[in-house]
Amino acid sequence: MIRNDYSAEEEYEISLQLLGQRYNEALNKIDSLNVIISDLLNIMHIYGIPVPLKMLEQLDLDAPFPR
């Protein structure tokens, strides 16, 4: 049977745990996207394809990638 008589403090703790899980999932997705973007930039560099200006504007220029 599913319990549904949580106190306000228990509900708050559960909400924080779920929020933390969602936050970590979002960070993992961002990390995955960063890897994909880095790979794309490396491929573009290898084949001499210029990086579009709009993409350059969005990049963290401190991040290591070949220019």
N, C-alpha and C. Protein backbone atom coordinates (compact mmCIF):
# COMPACT_ATOMS: atom_id res chain seq x y z
N MET A 1 0.84 -1.19 0.00
CA MET A 1 0.00 0.00 0.00
C MET A 1 0.88 1.25 0.00
N ILE A 2 0.45 2.24 -0.72
CA ILE A 2 1.21 3.48 -0.82
C ILE A 2 0.82 4.43 0.32
N ARG A 3 1.83 4.93 0.96
CA ARG A 3 1.60 5.86 2.07
C ARG A 3 1.32 7.24 1.52
N ASN A 4 0.33 7.93 2.06
CA ASN A 4 0.03 9.28 1.59
C ASN A 4 -0.24 10.25 2.75
N ASP A 5 0.21 9.87 3.92
CA ASP A 5 -0.02 10.73 5.09
C ASP A 5 1.29 11.35 5.58
N TYR A 6 2.02 11.94 4.66
CA TYR A 6 3.31 12.55 5.01
C TYR A 6 3.10 13.86 5.74
N SER A 7 4.00 14.14 6.67
CA SER A 7 3.97 15.44 7.35
C SER A 7 4.54 16.48 6.39
N ALA A 8 4.33 17.72 6.72
CA ALA A 8 4.84 18.80 5.88
C ALA A 8 6.37 18.72 5.78
N GLU A 9 7.04 18.37 6.85
CA GLU A 9 8.50 18.26 6.84
C GLU A 9 8.95 17.11 5.94
N GLU A 10 8.23 15.97 6.00
CA GLU A 10 8.57 14.84 5.15
C GLU A 10 8.35 15.18 3.67
N GLU A 11 7.25 15.87 3.38
CA GLU A 11 6.98 16.29 2.00
C GLU A 11 8.08 17.22 1.50
N TYR A 12 8.53 18.12 2.36
CA TYR A 12 9.60 19.05 2.01
C TYR A 12 10.90 18.29 1.70
N GLU A 13 11.23 17.31 2.55
CA GLU A 13 12.44 16.51 2.33
C GLU A 13 12.36 15.72 1.03
N ILE A 14 11.21 15.13 0.77
CA ILE A 14 11.02 14.37 -0.47
C ILE A 14 11.13 15.30 -1.68
N SER A 15 10.54 16.47 -1.59
CA SER A 15 10.63 17.44 -2.68
C SER A 15 12.07 17.85 -2.94
N LEU A 16 12.83 18.06 -1.88
CA LEU A 16 14.24 18.41 -2.05
C LEU A 16 15.02 17.28 -2.71
N GLN A 17 14.73 16.05 -2.32
CA GLN A 17 15.41 14.91 -2.92
C GLN A 17 15.09 14.80 -4.41
N LEU A 18 13.81 14.97 -4.75
CA LEU A 18 13.41 14.91 -6.16
C LEU A 18 14.02 16.06 -6.95
N LEU A 19 14.06 17.23 -6.36
CA LEU A 19 14.67 18.38 -7.02
C LEU A 19 16.16 18.13 -7.26
N GLY A 20 16.83 17.55 -6.28
CA GLY A 20 18.25 17.22 -6.43
C GLY A 20 18.47 16.21 -7.54
N GLN A 21 17.59 15.21 -7.62
CA GLN A 21 17.71 14.21 -8.69
C GLN A 21 17.54 14.86 -10.06
N ARG A 22 16.54 15.72 -10.18
CA ARG A 22 16.29 16.38 -11.46
C ARG A 22 17.45 17.31 -11.83
N TYR A 23 18.00 17.97 -10.84
CA TYR A 23 19.15 18.86 -11.06
C TYR A 23 20.34 18.05 -11.59
N ASN A 24 20.61 16.91 -10.96
CA ASN A 24 21.72 16.06 -11.40
C ASN A 24 21.48 15.51 -12.79
N GLU A 25 20.24 15.14 -13.10
CA GLU A 25 19.92 14.66 -14.44
C GLU A 25 20.16 15.76 -15.47
N ALA A 26 19.78 16.98 -15.13
CA ALA A 26 19.99 18.11 -16.05
C ALA A 26 21.48 18.36 -16.26
N LEU A 27 22.26 18.29 -15.20
CA LEU A 27 23.71 18.48 -15.33
C LEU A 27 24.33 17.41 -16.21
N ASN A 28 23.86 16.18 -16.07
CA ASN A 28 24.37 15.08 -16.90
C ASN A 28 24.04 15.32 -18.37
N LYS A 29 22.85 15.82 -18.64
CA LYS A 29 22.46 16.11 -20.03
C LYS A 29 23.31 17.25 -20.59
N ILE A 30 23.58 18.25 -19.78
CA ILE A 30 24.43 19.36 -20.22
C ILE A 30 25.84 18.85 -20.52
N ASP A 31 26.37 18.00 -19.66
CA ASP A 31 27.69 17.42 -19.90
C ASP A 31 27.73 16.64 -21.21
N SER A 32 26.68 15.88 -21.47
CA SER A 32 26.60 15.11 -22.72
C SER A 32 26.57 16.03 -23.93
N LEU A 33 25.80 17.11 -23.82
CA LEU A 33 25.73 18.07 -24.93
C LEU A 33 27.08 18.75 -25.14
N ASN A 34 27.78 19.05 -24.07
CA ASN A 34 29.09 19.68 -24.19
C ASN A 34 30.07 18.77 -24.94
N VAL A 35 29.99 17.47 -24.66
CA VAL A 35 30.85 16.51 -25.36
C VAL A 35 30.51 16.48 -26.84
N ILE A 36 29.22 16.46 -27.15
CA ILE A 36 28.78 16.44 -28.55
C ILE A 36 29.26 17.70 -29.27
N ILE A 37 29.11 18.85 -28.64
CA ILE A 37 29.53 20.10 -29.26
C ILE A 37 31.03 20.12 -29.46
N SER A 38 31.77 19.65 -28.47
CA SER A 38 33.22 19.60 -28.59
C SER A 38 33.63 18.69 -29.74
N ASP A 39 32.99 17.52 -29.85
CA ASP A 39 33.28 16.61 -30.96
C ASP A 39 32.96 17.27 -32.30
N LEU A 40 31.83 17.95 -32.37
CA LEU A 40 31.44 18.64 -33.61
C LEU A 40 32.47 19.69 -34.00
N LEU A 41 32.92 20.48 -33.02
CA LEU A 41 33.91 21.51 -33.31
C LEU A 41 35.23 20.89 -33.77
N ASN A 42 35.62 19.78 -33.16
CA ASN A 42 36.85 19.11 -33.59
C ASN A 42 36.73 18.59 -35.01
N ILE A 43 35.60 18.01 -35.35
CA ILE A 43 35.38 17.53 -36.72
C ILE A 43 35.41 18.69 -37.70
N MET A 44 34.75 19.79 -37.34
CA MET A 44 34.76 20.97 -38.21
C MET A 44 36.19 21.46 -38.42
N HIS A 45 36.97 21.47 -37.36
CA HIS A 45 38.35 21.93 -37.44
C HIS A 45 39.17 20.99 -38.34
N ILE A 46 39.02 19.69 -38.15
CA ILE A 46 39.76 18.70 -38.95
C ILE A 46 39.48 18.87 -40.44
N TYR A 47 38.23 19.12 -40.78
CA TYR A 47 37.85 19.23 -42.19
C TYR A 47 37.88 20.66 -42.72
N GLY A 48 38.36 21.58 -41.91
CA GLY A 48 38.50 22.96 -42.36
C GLY A 48 37.19 23.70 -42.54
N ILE A 49 36.17 23.26 -41.84
CA ILE A 49 34.87 23.93 -41.93
C ILE A 49 34.86 25.06 -40.91
N PRO A 50 34.60 26.29 -41.38
CA PRO A 50 34.58 27.41 -40.43
C PRO A 50 33.40 27.29 -39.45
N VAL A 51 33.65 27.68 -38.23
CA VAL A 51 32.60 27.67 -37.21
C VAL A 51 31.72 28.90 -37.44
N PRO A 52 30.40 28.71 -37.58
CA PRO A 52 29.51 29.85 -37.82
C PRO A 52 29.60 30.89 -36.70
N LEU A 53 29.48 32.14 -37.07
CA LEU A 53 29.59 33.24 -36.11
C LEU A 53 28.59 33.09 -34.97
N LYS A 54 27.37 32.68 -35.28
CA LYS A 54 26.36 32.50 -34.22
C LYS A 54 26.82 31.46 -33.20
N MET A 55 27.49 30.43 -33.67
CA MET A 55 27.99 29.40 -32.76
C MET A 55 29.13 29.95 -31.92
N LEU A 56 30.01 30.71 -32.53
CA LEU A 56 31.12 31.30 -31.79
C LEU A 56 30.63 32.24 -30.70
N GLU A 57 29.55 32.96 -30.98
CA GLU A 57 29.01 33.89 -30.00
C GLU A 57 28.51 33.16 -28.75
N GLN A 58 28.07 31.91 -28.92
CA GLN A 58 27.51 31.15 -27.82
C GLN A 58 28.56 30.34 -27.05
N LEU A 59 29.75 30.21 -27.61
CA LEU A 59 30.77 29.36 -27.00
C LEU A 59 31.44 30.04 -25.82
N ASP A 60 31.87 29.20 -24.90
CA ASP A 60 32.73 29.66 -23.81
C ASP A 60 34.14 29.72 -24.40
N LEU A 61 34.63 30.90 -24.63
CA LEU A 61 35.91 31.05 -25.33
C LEU A 61 37.09 30.57 -24.50
N ASP A 62 36.88 30.28 -23.22
CA ASP A 62 37.94 29.73 -22.40
C ASP A 62 38.01 28.21 -22.53
N ALA A 63 36.99 27.62 -23.14
CA ALA A 63 36.96 26.16 -23.28
C ALA A 63 38.00 25.74 -24.32
N PRO A 64 38.67 24.63 -24.07
CA PRO A 64 39.71 24.19 -25.00
C PRO A 64 39.10 23.53 -26.23
N PHE A 65 39.30 24.14 -27.39
CA PHE A 65 38.99 23.50 -28.65
C PHE A 65 39.84 24.18 -29.70
N PRO A 66 40.19 23.45 -30.73
CA PRO A 66 41.07 24.03 -31.76
C PRO A 66 40.36 25.13 -32.53
N ARG A 67 41.10 26.18 -32.82
CA ARG A 67 40.52 27.29 -33.61
C ARG A 67 41.27 27.41 -34.90
